[in-house]
Full PDB file with SEQRES, HELIX, SHEET, SSBOND, CRYST1, ORIGX, SCALE, CONECT and MASTER records, all heavy atoms in Angstrom:
SEQRES   1 A   43  ASP PRO GLU MET ILE SER GLU VAL LEU ASP VAL MET VAL          
SEQRES   2 A   43  GLU LEU ALA ALA GLU GLY THR THR MET VAL VAL VAL THR          
SEQRES   3 A   43  HIS GLU MET GLY PHE ALA ARG SER ALA ALA ARG ARG ILE          
SEQRES   4 A   43  VAL PHE LEU ASP                                              
HELIX    1 AA1 PRO A    2  ALA A   17  1                                  16    
HELIX    2 AA2 MET A   29  ALA A   35  1                                   7    
CRYST1    1.000    1.000    1.000  90.00  90.00  90.00 P 1           1          
ORIGX1      1.000000  0.000000  0.000000        0.00000                         
ORIGX2      0.000000  1.000000  0.000000        0.00000                         
ORIGX3      0.000000  0.000000  1.000000        0.00000                         
SCALE1      1.000000  0.000000  0.000000        0.00000                         
SCALE2      0.000000  1.000000  0.000000        0.00000                         
SCALE3      0.000000  0.000000  1.000000        0.00000                         
ATOM      1  N   ASP A   1       0.845  -1.182   0.000  1.00  0.00           N  
ATOM      2  CA  ASP A   1       0.000   0.000   0.000  1.00  0.00           C  
ATOM      3  C   ASP A   1       0.889   1.243   0.000  1.00  0.00           C  
ATOM      4  O   ASP A   1       2.009   1.208   0.516  1.00  0.00           O  
ATOM      5  CB  ASP A   1      -0.897   0.013   1.244  1.00  0.00           C  
ATOM      6  CG  ASP A   1      -1.933  -1.099   1.227  1.00  0.00           C  
ATOM      7  OD1 ASP A   1      -2.294  -1.530   0.114  1.00  0.00           O  
ATOM      8  OD2 ASP A   1      -2.342  -1.546   2.304  1.00  0.00           O  
ATOM      9  N   PRO A   2       0.403   2.344  -0.564  1.00  0.00           N  
ATOM     10  CA  PRO A   2       1.250   3.535  -0.701  1.00  0.00           C  
ATOM     11  C   PRO A   2       1.917   3.988   0.592  1.00  0.00           C  
ATOM     12  O   PRO A   2       3.077   4.389   0.587  1.00  0.00           O  
ATOM     13  CB  PRO A   2       0.258   4.590  -1.221  1.00  0.00           C  
ATOM     14  CG  PRO A   2      -0.752   3.803  -1.979  1.00  0.00           C  
ATOM     15  CD  PRO A   2      -0.914   2.524  -1.213  1.00  0.00           C  
ATOM     16  N   GLU A   3       1.206   3.914   1.719  1.00  0.00           N  
ATOM     17  CA  GLU A   3       1.799   4.411   2.959  1.00  0.00           C  
ATOM     18  C   GLU A   3       2.912   3.504   3.482  1.00  0.00           C  
ATOM     19  O   GLU A   3       3.686   3.904   4.357  1.00  0.00           O  
ATOM     20  CB  GLU A   3       0.727   4.599   4.047  1.00  0.00           C  
ATOM     21  CG  GLU A   3       0.070   3.323   4.518  1.00  0.00           C  
ATOM     22  CD  GLU A   3      -1.182   2.974   3.729  1.00  0.00           C  
ATOM     23  OE1 GLU A   3      -1.337   3.472   2.590  1.00  0.00           O  
ATOM     24  OE2 GLU A   3      -2.003   2.214   4.252  1.00  0.00           O  
ATOM     25  N   MET A   4       2.996   2.283   2.966  1.00  0.00           N  
ATOM     26  CA  MET A   4       4.039   1.356   3.413  1.00  0.00           C  
ATOM     27  C   MET A   4       5.289   1.410   2.540  1.00  0.00           C  
ATOM     28  O   MET A   4       6.328   0.880   2.910  1.00  0.00           O  
ATOM     29  CB  MET A   4       3.497  -0.078   3.421  1.00  0.00           C  
ATOM     30  CG  MET A   4       2.360  -0.320   4.388  1.00  0.00           C  
ATOM     31  SD  MET A   4       1.753  -2.009   4.272  1.00  0.00           S  
ATOM     32  CE  MET A   4       0.341  -1.927   5.385  1.00  0.00           C  
ATOM     33  N   ILE A   5       5.183   2.034   1.384  1.00  0.00           N  
ATOM     34  CA  ILE A   5       6.303   2.043   0.443  1.00  0.00           C  
ATOM     35  C   ILE A   5       7.508   2.768   1.034  1.00  0.00           C  
ATOM     36  O   ILE A   5       8.641   2.296   0.951  1.00  0.00           O  
ATOM     37  CB  ILE A   5       5.871   2.685  -0.894  1.00  0.00           C  
ATOM     38  CG1 ILE A   5       4.894   1.756  -1.618  1.00  0.00           C  
ATOM     39  CG2 ILE A   5       7.089   2.980  -1.774  1.00  0.00           C  
ATOM     40  CD1 ILE A   5       4.295   2.346  -2.883  1.00  0.00           C  
ATOM     41  N   SER A   6       7.267   3.904   1.669  1.00  0.00           N  
ATOM     42  CA  SER A   6       8.385   4.715   2.149  1.00  0.00           C  
ATOM     43  C   SER A   6       9.189   4.002   3.221  1.00  0.00           C  
ATOM     44  O   SER A   6      10.418   4.162   3.290  1.00  0.00           O  
ATOM     45  CB  SER A   6       7.892   6.058   2.677  1.00  0.00           C  
ATOM     46  OG  SER A   6       7.044   5.873   3.794  1.00  0.00           O  
ATOM     47  N   GLU A   7       8.541   3.184   4.066  1.00  0.00           N  
ATOM     48  CA  GLU A   7       9.286   2.510   5.133  1.00  0.00           C  
ATOM     49  C   GLU A   7      10.265   1.488   4.566  1.00  0.00           C  
ATOM     50  O   GLU A   7      11.329   1.256   5.146  1.00  0.00           O  
ATOM     51  CB  GLU A   7       8.338   1.866   6.146  1.00  0.00           C  
ATOM     52  CG  GLU A   7       7.469   0.744   5.614  1.00  0.00           C  
ATOM     53  CD  GLU A   7       6.414   0.303   6.624  1.00  0.00           C  
ATOM     54  OE1 GLU A   7       5.590   1.137   7.046  1.00  0.00           O  
ATOM     55  OE2 GLU A   7       6.423  -0.892   6.984  1.00  0.00           O  
ATOM     56  N   VAL A   8       9.925   0.889   3.434  1.00  0.00           N  
ATOM     57  CA  VAL A   8      10.842  -0.049   2.776  1.00  0.00           C  
ATOM     58  C   VAL A   8      11.928   0.717   2.025  1.00  0.00           C  
ATOM     59  O   VAL A   8      13.113   0.374   2.101  1.00  0.00           O  
ATOM     60  CB  VAL A   8      10.069  -0.988   1.827  1.00  0.00           C  
ATOM     61  CG1 VAL A   8      11.033  -1.852   1.015  1.00  0.00           C  
ATOM     62  CG2 VAL A   8       9.109  -1.869   2.619  1.00  0.00           C  
ATOM     63  N   LEU A   9      11.533   1.768   1.306  1.00  0.00           N  
ATOM     64  CA  LEU A   9      12.523   2.557   0.568  1.00  0.00           C  
ATOM     65  C   LEU A   9      13.530   3.208   1.508  1.00  0.00           C  
ATOM     66  O   LEU A   9      14.714   3.326   1.165  1.00  0.00           O  
ATOM     67  CB  LEU A   9      11.825   3.628  -0.281  1.00  0.00           C  
ATOM     68  CG  LEU A   9      11.013   3.112  -1.473  1.00  0.00           C  
ATOM     69  CD1 LEU A   9      10.361   4.282  -2.196  1.00  0.00           C  
ATOM     70  CD2 LEU A   9      11.872   2.303  -2.442  1.00  0.00           C  
ATOM     71  N   ASP A  10      13.095   3.607   2.692  1.00  0.00           N  
ATOM     72  CA  ASP A  10      14.021   4.206   3.654  1.00  0.00           C  
ATOM     73  C   ASP A  10      15.132   3.230   4.022  1.00  0.00           C  
ATOM     74  O   ASP A  10      16.306   3.615   4.140  1.00  0.00           O  
ATOM     75  CB  ASP A  10      13.272   4.649   4.912  1.00  0.00           C  
ATOM     76  CG  ASP A  10      12.434   5.896   4.705  1.00  0.00           C  
ATOM     77  OD1 ASP A  10      12.622   6.570   3.669  1.00  0.00           O  
ATOM     78  OD2 ASP A  10      11.577   6.195   5.561  1.00  0.00           O  
ATOM     79  N   VAL A  11      14.770   1.955   4.226  1.00  0.00           N  
ATOM     80  CA  VAL A  11      15.773   0.928   4.538  1.00  0.00           C  
ATOM     81  C   VAL A  11      16.721   0.750   3.360  1.00  0.00           C  
ATOM     82  O   VAL A  11      17.947   0.659   3.536  1.00  0.00           O  
ATOM     83  CB  VAL A  11      15.094  -0.414   4.882  1.00  0.00           C  
ATOM     84  CG1 VAL A  11      16.134  -1.535   5.021  1.00  0.00           C  
ATOM     85  CG2 VAL A  11      14.289  -0.290   6.174  1.00  0.00           C  
ATOM     86  N   MET A  12      16.179   0.741   2.142  1.00  0.00           N  
ATOM     87  CA  MET A  12      17.007   0.547   0.960  1.00  0.00           C  
ATOM     88  C   MET A  12      17.954   1.721   0.737  1.00  0.00           C  
ATOM     89  O   MET A  12      19.114   1.532   0.362  1.00  0.00           O  
ATOM     90  CB  MET A  12      16.116   0.322  -0.260  1.00  0.00           C  
ATOM     91  CG  MET A  12      15.334  -0.983  -0.197  1.00  0.00           C  
ATOM     92  SD  MET A  12      14.117  -1.133  -1.523  1.00  0.00           S  
ATOM     93  CE  MET A  12      15.175  -1.119  -2.977  1.00  0.00           C  
ATOM     94  N   VAL A  13      17.481   2.934   0.987  1.00  0.00           N  
ATOM     95  CA  VAL A  13      18.337   4.123   0.855  1.00  0.00           C  
ATOM     96  C   VAL A  13      19.476   4.044   1.860  1.00  0.00           C  
ATOM     97  O   VAL A  13      20.632   4.369   1.549  1.00  0.00           O  
ATOM     98  CB  VAL A  13      17.508   5.411   1.051  1.00  0.00           C  
ATOM     99  CG1 VAL A  13      18.416   6.623   1.229  1.00  0.00           C  
ATOM    100  CG2 VAL A  13      16.578   5.625  -0.143  1.00  0.00           C  
ATOM    101  N   GLU A  14      19.176   3.588   3.071  1.00  0.00           N  
ATOM    102  CA  GLU A  14      20.209   3.448   4.100  1.00  0.00           C  
ATOM    103  C   GLU A  14      21.250   2.410   3.684  1.00  0.00           C  
ATOM    104  O   GLU A  14      22.449   2.625   3.848  1.00  0.00           O  
ATOM    105  CB  GLU A  14      19.566   3.057   5.432  1.00  0.00           C  
ATOM    106  CG  GLU A  14      20.547   2.987   6.587  1.00  0.00           C  
ATOM    107  CD  GLU A  14      19.866   2.675   7.903  1.00  0.00           C  
ATOM    108  OE1 GLU A  14      18.746   3.159   8.120  1.00  0.00           O  
ATOM    109  OE2 GLU A  14      20.450   1.930   8.704  1.00  0.00           O  
ATOM    110  N   LEU A  15      20.787   1.297   3.142  1.00  0.00           N  
ATOM    111  CA  LEU A  15      21.722   0.264   2.667  1.00  0.00           C  
ATOM    112  C   LEU A  15      22.630   0.823   1.575  1.00  0.00           C  
ATOM    113  O   LEU A  15      23.841   0.567   1.554  1.00  0.00           O  
ATOM    114  CB  LEU A  15      20.953  -0.948   2.140  1.00  0.00           C  
ATOM    115  CG  LEU A  15      20.216  -1.813   3.160  1.00  0.00           C  
ATOM    116  CD1 LEU A  15      19.426  -2.902   2.445  1.00  0.00           C  
ATOM    117  CD2 LEU A  15      21.185  -2.431   4.152  1.00  0.00           C  
ATOM    118  N   ALA A  16      22.042   1.572   0.654  1.00  0.00           N  
ATOM    119  CA  ALA A  16      22.821   2.161  -0.429  1.00  0.00           C  
ATOM    120  C   ALA A  16      23.882   3.114   0.129  1.00  0.00           C  
ATOM    121  O   ALA A  16      25.042   3.104  -0.305  1.00  0.00           O  
ATOM    122  CB  ALA A  16      21.901   2.895  -1.405  1.00  0.00           C  
ATOM    123  N   ALA A  17      23.487   3.925   1.115  1.00  0.00           N  
ATOM    124  CA  ALA A  17      24.420   4.878   1.703  1.00  0.00           C  
ATOM    125  C   ALA A  17      25.562   4.197   2.440  1.00  0.00           C  
ATOM    126  O   ALA A  17      26.661   4.742   2.548  1.00  0.00           O  
ATOM    127  CB  ALA A  17      23.672   5.806   2.664  1.00  0.00           C  
ATOM    128  N   GLU A  18      25.310   2.974   2.915  1.00  0.00           N  
ATOM    129  CA  GLU A  18      26.328   2.217   3.644  1.00  0.00           C  
ATOM    130  C   GLU A  18      27.276   1.464   2.713  1.00  0.00           C  
ATOM    131  O   GLU A  18      28.188   0.794   3.178  1.00  0.00           O  
ATOM    132  CB  GLU A  18      25.660   1.243   4.603  1.00  0.00           C  
ATOM    133  CG  GLU A  18      24.923   1.926   5.751  1.00  0.00           C  
ATOM    134  CD  GLU A  18      24.082   0.958   6.560  1.00  0.00           C  
ATOM    135  OE1 GLU A  18      24.003  -0.239   6.187  1.00  0.00           O  
ATOM    136  OE2 GLU A  18      23.496   1.391   7.568  1.00  0.00           O  
ATOM    137  N   GLY A  19      27.032   1.534   1.407  1.00  0.00           N  
ATOM    138  CA  GLY A  19      27.933   0.902   0.458  1.00  0.00           C  
ATOM    139  C   GLY A  19      27.560  -0.514   0.068  1.00  0.00           C  
ATOM    140  O   GLY A  19      28.388  -1.256  -0.467  1.00  0.00           O  
ATOM    141  N   THR A  20      26.298  -0.895   0.310  1.00  0.00           N  
ATOM    142  CA  THR A  20      25.838  -2.219  -0.096  1.00  0.00           C  
ATOM    143  C   THR A  20      25.745  -2.291  -1.618  1.00  0.00           C  
ATOM    144  O   THR A  20      25.179  -1.398  -2.248  1.00  0.00           O  
ATOM    145  CB  THR A  20      24.453  -2.526   0.517  1.00  0.00           C  
ATOM    146  OG1 THR A  20      24.519  -2.353   1.937  1.00  0.00           O  
ATOM    147  CG2 THR A  20      24.010  -3.949   0.194  1.00  0.00           C  
ATOM    148  N   THR A  21      26.282  -3.336  -2.209  1.00  0.00           N  
ATOM    149  CA  THR A  21      26.162  -3.543  -3.650  1.00  0.00           C  
ATOM    150  C   THR A  21      24.731  -3.982  -3.943  1.00  0.00           C  
ATOM    151  O   THR A  21      24.244  -4.967  -3.380  1.00  0.00           O  
ATOM    152  CB  THR A  21      27.143  -4.620  -4.138  1.00  0.00           C  
ATOM    153  OG1 THR A  21      28.468  -4.296  -3.683  1.00  0.00           O  
ATOM    154  CG2 THR A  21      27.138  -4.709  -5.657  1.00  0.00           C  
ATOM    155  N   MET A  22      24.040  -3.259  -4.830  1.00  0.00           N  
ATOM    156  CA  MET A  22      22.621  -3.507  -5.061  1.00  0.00           C  
ATOM    157  C   MET A  22      22.274  -3.415  -6.542  1.00  0.00           C  
ATOM    158  O   MET A  22      22.778  -2.555  -7.253  1.00  0.00           O  
ATOM    159  CB  MET A  22      21.769  -2.479  -4.285  1.00  0.00           C  
ATOM    160  CG  MET A  22      21.969  -2.532  -2.779  1.00  0.00           C  
ATOM    161  SD  MET A  22      21.354  -1.053  -1.899  1.00  0.00           S  
ATOM    162  CE  MET A  22      19.605  -1.107  -2.266  1.00  0.00           C  
ATOM    163  N   VAL A  23      21.396  -4.323  -6.983  1.00  0.00           N  
ATOM    164  CA  VAL A  23      20.757  -4.230  -8.289  1.00  0.00           C  
ATOM    165  C   VAL A  23      19.256  -4.209  -8.027  1.00  0.00           C  
ATOM    166  O   VAL A  23      18.716  -5.138  -7.417  1.00  0.00           O  
ATOM    167  CB  VAL A  23      21.124  -5.405  -9.206  1.00  0.00           C  
ATOM    168  CG1 VAL A  23      20.436  -5.253 -10.569  1.00  0.00           C  
ATOM    169  CG2 VAL A  23      22.634  -5.495  -9.388  1.00  0.00           C  
ATOM    170  N   VAL A  24      18.593  -3.153  -8.467  1.00  0.00           N  
ATOM    171  CA  VAL A  24      17.213  -2.899  -8.062  1.00  0.00           C  
ATOM    172  C   VAL A  24      16.322  -2.700  -9.278  1.00  0.00           C  
ATOM    173  O   VAL A  24      16.590  -1.839 -10.121  1.00  0.00           O  
ATOM    174  CB  VAL A  24      17.127  -1.649  -7.162  1.00  0.00           C  
ATOM    175  CG1 VAL A  24      15.696  -1.434  -6.676  1.00  0.00           C  
ATOM    176  CG2 VAL A  24      18.086  -1.760  -5.976  1.00  0.00           C  
ATOM    177  N   VAL A  25      15.247  -3.484  -9.339  1.00  0.00           N  
ATOM    178  CA  VAL A  25      14.173  -3.242 -10.301  1.00  0.00           C  
ATOM    179  C   VAL A  25      13.082  -2.491  -9.554  1.00  0.00           C  
ATOM    180  O   VAL A  25      12.576  -2.971  -8.530  1.00  0.00           O  
ATOM    181  CB  VAL A  25      13.598  -4.562 -10.857  1.00  0.00           C  
ATOM    182  CG1 VAL A  25      12.415  -4.269 -11.789  1.00  0.00           C  
ATOM    183  CG2 VAL A  25      14.663  -5.343 -11.596  1.00  0.00           C  
ATOM    184  N   THR A  26      12.727  -1.312 -10.024  1.00  0.00           N  
ATOM    185  CA  THR A  26      11.731  -0.515  -9.315  1.00  0.00           C  
ATOM    186  C   THR A  26      11.061   0.470 -10.256  1.00  0.00           C  
ATOM    187  O   THR A  26      11.620   0.836 -11.300  1.00  0.00           O  
ATOM    188  CB  THR A  26      12.383   0.250  -8.138  1.00  0.00           C  
ATOM    189  OG1 THR A  26      11.356   0.926  -7.393  1.00  0.00           O  
ATOM    190  CG2 THR A  26      13.401   1.276  -8.622  1.00  0.00           C  
ATOM    191  N   HIS A  27       9.855   0.872  -9.863  1.00  0.00           N  
ATOM    192  CA  HIS A  27       9.164   1.966 -10.554  1.00  0.00           C  
ATOM    193  C   HIS A  27       9.185   3.233  -9.713  1.00  0.00           C  
ATOM    194  O   HIS A  27       8.533   4.225 -10.061  1.00  0.00           O  
ATOM    195  CB  HIS A  27       7.719   1.576 -10.867  1.00  0.00           C  
ATOM    196  CG  HIS A  27       7.600   0.487 -11.883  1.00  0.00           C  
ATOM    197  ND1 HIS A  27       7.983   0.649 -13.196  1.00  0.00           N  
ATOM    198  CD2 HIS A  27       7.179  -0.789 -11.774  1.00  0.00           C  
ATOM    199  CE1 HIS A  27       7.777  -0.479 -13.862  1.00  0.00           C  
ATOM    200  NE2 HIS A  27       7.297  -1.370 -13.014  1.00  0.00           N  
ATOM    201  N   GLU A  28       9.920   3.199  -8.594  1.00  0.00           N  
ATOM    202  CA  GLU A  28       9.998   4.351  -7.706  1.00  0.00           C  
ATOM    203  C   GLU A  28      11.095   5.297  -8.203  1.00  0.00           C  
ATOM    204  O   GLU A  28      12.278   5.101  -7.950  1.00  0.00           O  
ATOM    205  CB  GLU A  28      10.277   3.896  -6.267  1.00  0.00           C  
ATOM    206  CG  GLU A  28       9.210   2.986  -5.688  1.00  0.00           C  
ATOM    207  CD  GLU A  28       7.866   3.679  -5.549  1.00  0.00           C  
ATOM    208  OE1 GLU A  28       7.852   4.919  -5.394  1.00  0.00           O  
ATOM    209  OE2 GLU A  28       6.834   2.985  -5.594  1.00  0.00           O  
ATOM    210  N   MET A  29      10.683   6.313  -8.917  1.00  0.00           N  
ATOM    211  CA  MET A  29      11.651   7.199  -9.549  1.00  0.00           C  
ATOM    212  C   MET A  29      12.434   8.029  -8.530  1.00  0.00           C  
ATOM    213  O   MET A  29      13.585   8.383  -8.761  1.00  0.00           O  
ATOM    214  CB  MET A  29      10.949   8.132 -10.544  1.00  0.00           C  
ATOM    215  CG  MET A  29      10.331   7.414 -11.738  1.00  0.00           C  
ATOM    216  SD  MET A  29      11.526   6.509 -12.758  1.00  0.00           S  
ATOM    217  CE  MET A  29      11.077   4.822 -12.313  1.00  0.00           C  
ATOM    218  N   GLY A  30      11.801   8.343  -7.398  1.00  0.00           N  
ATOM    219  CA  GLY A  30      12.516   9.083  -6.363  1.00  0.00           C  
ATOM    220  C   GLY A  30      13.708   8.301  -5.845  1.00  0.00           C  
ATOM    221  O   GLY A  30      14.805   8.855  -5.659  1.00  0.00           O  
ATOM    222  N   PHE A  31      13.515   6.999  -5.624  1.00  0.00           N  
ATOM    223  CA  PHE A  31      14.628   6.153  -5.180  1.00  0.00           C  
ATOM    224  C   PHE A  31      15.695   6.091  -6.262  1.00  0.00           C  
ATOM    225  O   PHE A  31      16.893   6.185  -5.982  1.00  0.00           O  
ATOM    226  CB  PHE A  31      14.128   4.739  -4.862  1.00  0.00           C  
ATOM    227  CG  PHE A  31      15.232   3.775  -4.535  1.00  0.00           C  
ATOM    228  CD1 PHE A  31      15.736   3.697  -3.242  1.00  0.00           C  
ATOM    229  CD2 PHE A  31      15.777   2.957  -5.515  1.00  0.00           C  
ATOM    230  CE1 PHE A  31      16.771   2.821  -2.933  1.00  0.00           C  
ATOM    231  CE2 PHE A  31      16.809   2.083  -5.218  1.00  0.00           C  
ATOM    232  CZ  PHE A  31      17.304   2.015  -3.922  1.00  0.00           C  
ATOM    233  N   ALA A  32      15.274   5.925  -7.511  1.00  0.00           N  
ATOM    234  CA  ALA A  32      16.234   5.838  -8.607  1.00  0.00           C  
ATOM    235  C   ALA A  32      17.074   7.109  -8.704  1.00  0.00           C  
ATOM    236  O   ALA A  32      18.290   7.054  -8.916  1.00  0.00           O  
ATOM    237  CB  ALA A  32      15.498   5.587  -9.928  1.00  0.00           C  
ATOM    238  N   ARG A  33      16.456   8.255  -8.528  1.00  0.00           N  
ATOM    239  CA  ARG A  33      17.179   9.528  -8.605  1.00  0.00           C  
ATOM    240  C   ARG A  33      18.168   9.695  -7.460  1.00  0.00           C  
ATOM    241  O   ARG A  33      19.292  10.158  -7.653  1.00  0.00           O  
ATOM    242  CB  ARG A  33      16.193  10.697  -8.554  1.00  0.00           C  
ATOM    243  CG  ARG A  33      15.395  10.954  -9.814  1.00  0.00           C  
ATOM    244  CD  ARG A  33      14.452  12.113  -9.551  1.00  0.00           C  
ATOM    245  NE  ARG A  33      13.557  12.404 -10.651  1.00  0.00           N  
ATOM    246  CZ  ARG A  33      13.832  13.244 -11.649  1.00  0.00           C  
ATOM    247  NH1 ARG A  33      15.007  13.836 -11.692  1.00  0.00           N  
ATOM    248  NH2 ARG A  33      12.945  13.469 -12.603  1.00  0.00           N  
ATOM    249  N   SER A  34      17.754   9.312  -6.244  1.00  0.00           N  
ATOM    250  CA  SER A  34      18.541   9.651  -5.063  1.00  0.00           C  
ATOM    251  C   SER A  34      19.562   8.583  -4.675  1.00  0.00           C  
ATOM    252  O   SER A  34      20.618   8.914  -4.136  1.00  0.00           O  
ATOM    253  CB  SER A  34      17.608   9.906  -3.877  1.00  0.00           C  
ATOM    254  OG  SER A  34      16.898   8.729  -3.527  1.00  0.00           O  
ATOM    255  N   ALA A  35      19.261   7.310  -4.927  1.00  0.00           N  
ATOM    256  CA  ALA A  35      20.115   6.242  -4.399  1.00  0.00           C  
ATOM    257  C   ALA A  35      20.979   5.562  -5.455  1.00  0.00           C  
ATOM    258  O   ALA A  35      22.015   4.983  -5.116  1.00  0.00           O  
ATOM    259  CB  ALA A  35      19.259   5.188  -3.691  1.00  0.00           C  
ATOM    260  N   ALA A  36      20.572   5.609  -6.716  1.00  0.00           N  
ATOM    261  CA  ALA A  36      21.325   4.890  -7.746  1.00  0.00           C  
ATOM    262  C   ALA A  36      22.625   5.605  -8.082  1.00  0.00           C  
ATOM    263  O   ALA A  36      22.702   6.833  -8.067  1.00  0.00           O  
ATOM    264  CB  ALA A  36      20.487   4.746  -9.015  1.00  0.00           C  
ATOM    265  N   ARG A  37      23.643   4.821  -8.365  1.00  0.00           N  
ATOM    266  CA  ARG A  37      24.845   5.382  -8.971  1.00  0.00           C  
ATOM    267  C   ARG A  37      24.711   5.324 -10.491  1.00  0.00           C  
ATOM    268  O   ARG A  37      25.287   6.148 -11.204  1.00  0.00           O  
ATOM    269  CB  ARG A  37      26.083   4.604  -8.525  1.00  0.00           C  
ATOM    270  CG  ARG A  37      27.387   5.216  -9.048  1.00  0.00           C  
ATOM    271  CD  ARG A  37      28.614   4.422  -8.665  1.00  0.00           C  
ATOM    272  NE  ARG A  37      28.778   4.280  -7.224  1.00  0.00           N  
ATOM    273  CZ  ARG A  37      29.752   3.579  -6.660  1.00  0.00           C  
ATOM    274  NH1 ARG A  37      30.644   2.940  -7.405  1.00  0.00           N  
ATOM    275  NH2 ARG A  37      29.842   3.492  -5.351  1.00  0.00           N  
ATOM    276  N   ARG A  38      23.945   4.325 -10.960  1.00  0.00           N  
ATOM    277  CA  ARG A  38      23.803   4.170 -12.416  1.00  0.00           C  
ATOM    278  C   ARG A  38      22.395   3.678 -12.729  1.00  0.00           C  
ATOM    279  O   ARG A  38      21.850   2.828 -12.030  1.00  0.00           O  
ATOM    280  CB  ARG A  38      24.844   3.166 -12.925  1.00  0.00           C  
ATOM    281  CG  ARG A  38      24.818   2.902 -14.422  1.00  0.00           C  
ATOM    282  CD  ARG A  38      26.162   2.349 -14.901  1.00  0.00           C  
ATOM    283  NE  ARG A  38      26.694   1.309 -14.060  1.00  0.00           N  
ATOM    284  CZ  ARG A  38      26.829   0.021 -14.429  1.00  0.00           C  
ATOM    285  NH1 ARG A  38      26.477  -0.348 -15.642  1.00  0.00           N  
ATOM    286  NH2 ARG A  38      27.339  -0.858 -13.597  1.00  0.00           N  
ATOM    287  N   ILE A  39      21.813   4.232 -13.781  1.00  0.00           N  
ATOM    288  CA  ILE A  39      20.531   3.785 -14.305  1.00  0.00           C  
ATOM    289  C   ILE A  39      20.797   2.954 -15.548  1.00  0.00           C  
ATOM    290  O   ILE A  39      21.545   3.382 -16.445  1.00  0.00           O  
ATOM    291  CB  ILE A  39      19.616   4.971 -14.685  1.00  0.00           C  
ATOM    292  CG1 ILE A  39      19.369   5.891 -13.484  1.00  0.00           C  
ATOM    293  CG2 ILE A  39      18.303   4.468 -15.274  1.00  0.00           C  
ATOM    294  CD1 ILE A  39      18.549   5.295 -12.379  1.00  0.00           C  
ATOM    295  N   VAL A  40      20.191   1.770 -15.608  1.00  0.00           N  
ATOM    296  CA  VAL A  40      20.273   0.933 -16.793  1.00  0.00           C  
ATOM    297  C   VAL A  40      18.850   0.771 -17.334  1.00  0.00           C  
ATOM    298  O   VAL A  40      17.960   0.275 -16.631  1.00  0.00           O  
ATOM    299  CB  VAL A  40      20.886  -0.451 -16.468  1.00  0.00           C  
ATOM    300  CG1 VAL A  40      20.795  -1.382 -17.680  1.00  0.00           C  
ATOM    301  CG2 VAL A  40      22.340  -0.287 -16.032  1.00  0.00           C  
ATOM    302  N   PHE A  41      18.629   1.230 -18.557  1.00  0.00           N  
ATOM    303  CA  PHE A  41      17.293   1.211 -19.156  1.00  0.00           C  
ATOM    304  C   PHE A  41      17.203   0.071 -20.168  1.00  0.00           C  
ATOM    305  O   PHE A  41      18.031  -0.031 -21.085  1.00  0.00           O  
ATOM    306  CB  PHE A  41      17.000   2.548 -19.841  1.00  0.00           C  
ATOM    307  CG  PHE A  41      15.636   2.624 -20.467  1.00  0.00           C  
ATOM    308  CD1 PHE A  41      14.513   2.848 -19.679  1.00  0.00           C  
ATOM    309  CD2 PHE A  41      15.472   2.454 -21.833  1.00  0.00           C  
ATOM    310  CE1 PHE A  41      13.249   2.904 -20.248  1.00  0.00           C  
ATOM    311  CE2 PHE A  41      14.212   2.518 -22.409  1.00  0.00           C  
ATOM    312  CZ  PHE A  41      13.098   2.742 -21.616  1.00  0.00           C  
ATOM    313  N   LEU A  42      16.204  -0.795 -19.979  1.00  0.00           N  
ATOM    314  CA  LEU A  42      16.000  -1.931 -20.868  1.00  0.00           C  
ATOM    315  C   LEU A  42      14.744  -1.754 -21.695  1.00  0.00           C  
ATOM    316  O   LEU A  42      13.754  -1.144 -21.256  1.00  0.00           O  
ATOM    317  CB  LEU A  42      15.875  -3.239 -20.078  1.00  0.00           C  
ATOM    318  CG  LEU A  42      17.134  -3.798 -19.420  1.00  0.00           C  
ATOM    319  CD1 LEU A  42      17.262  -3.284 -17.998  1.00  0.00           C  
ATOM    320  CD2 LEU A  42      17.130  -5.316 -19.433  1.00  0.00           C  
ATOM    321  N   ASP A  43      14.767  -2.311 -22.880  1.00  0.00           N  
ATOM    322  CA  ASP A  43      13.584  -2.373 -23.729  1.00  0.00           C  
ATOM    323  C   ASP A  43      13.693  -3.611 -24.606  1.00  0.00           C  
ATOM    324  O   ASP A  43      14.743  -3.864 -25.212  1.00  0.00           O  
ATOM    325  CB  ASP A  43      13.463  -1.116 -24.594  1.00  0.00           C  
ATOM    326  CG  ASP A  43      12.147  -1.075 -25.357  1.00  0.00           C  
ATOM    327  OD1 ASP A  43      11.107  -1.413 -24.748  1.00  0.00           O  
ATOM    328  OD2 ASP A  43      12.145  -0.720 -26.545  1.00  0.00           O  
TER     329      ASP A  43                                                      
MASTER        0    0    0    2    0    0    0    6  328    1    0    4          
END                                                                             
C-alpha cells in the first residue's frame, strides 16, 4: 500500500548509503534519482 512504500525505501536508501552492492528493479523514480549510482534502461 502507498503508505508502506516509504518505510521499505528508507531501509534501501540506508543500505545504499552504507555501500551495499545492489541491483534494483523498481518503478519508484525518487529512489532511482537519489540512491542509484547508475541507471540501466532496458527495452
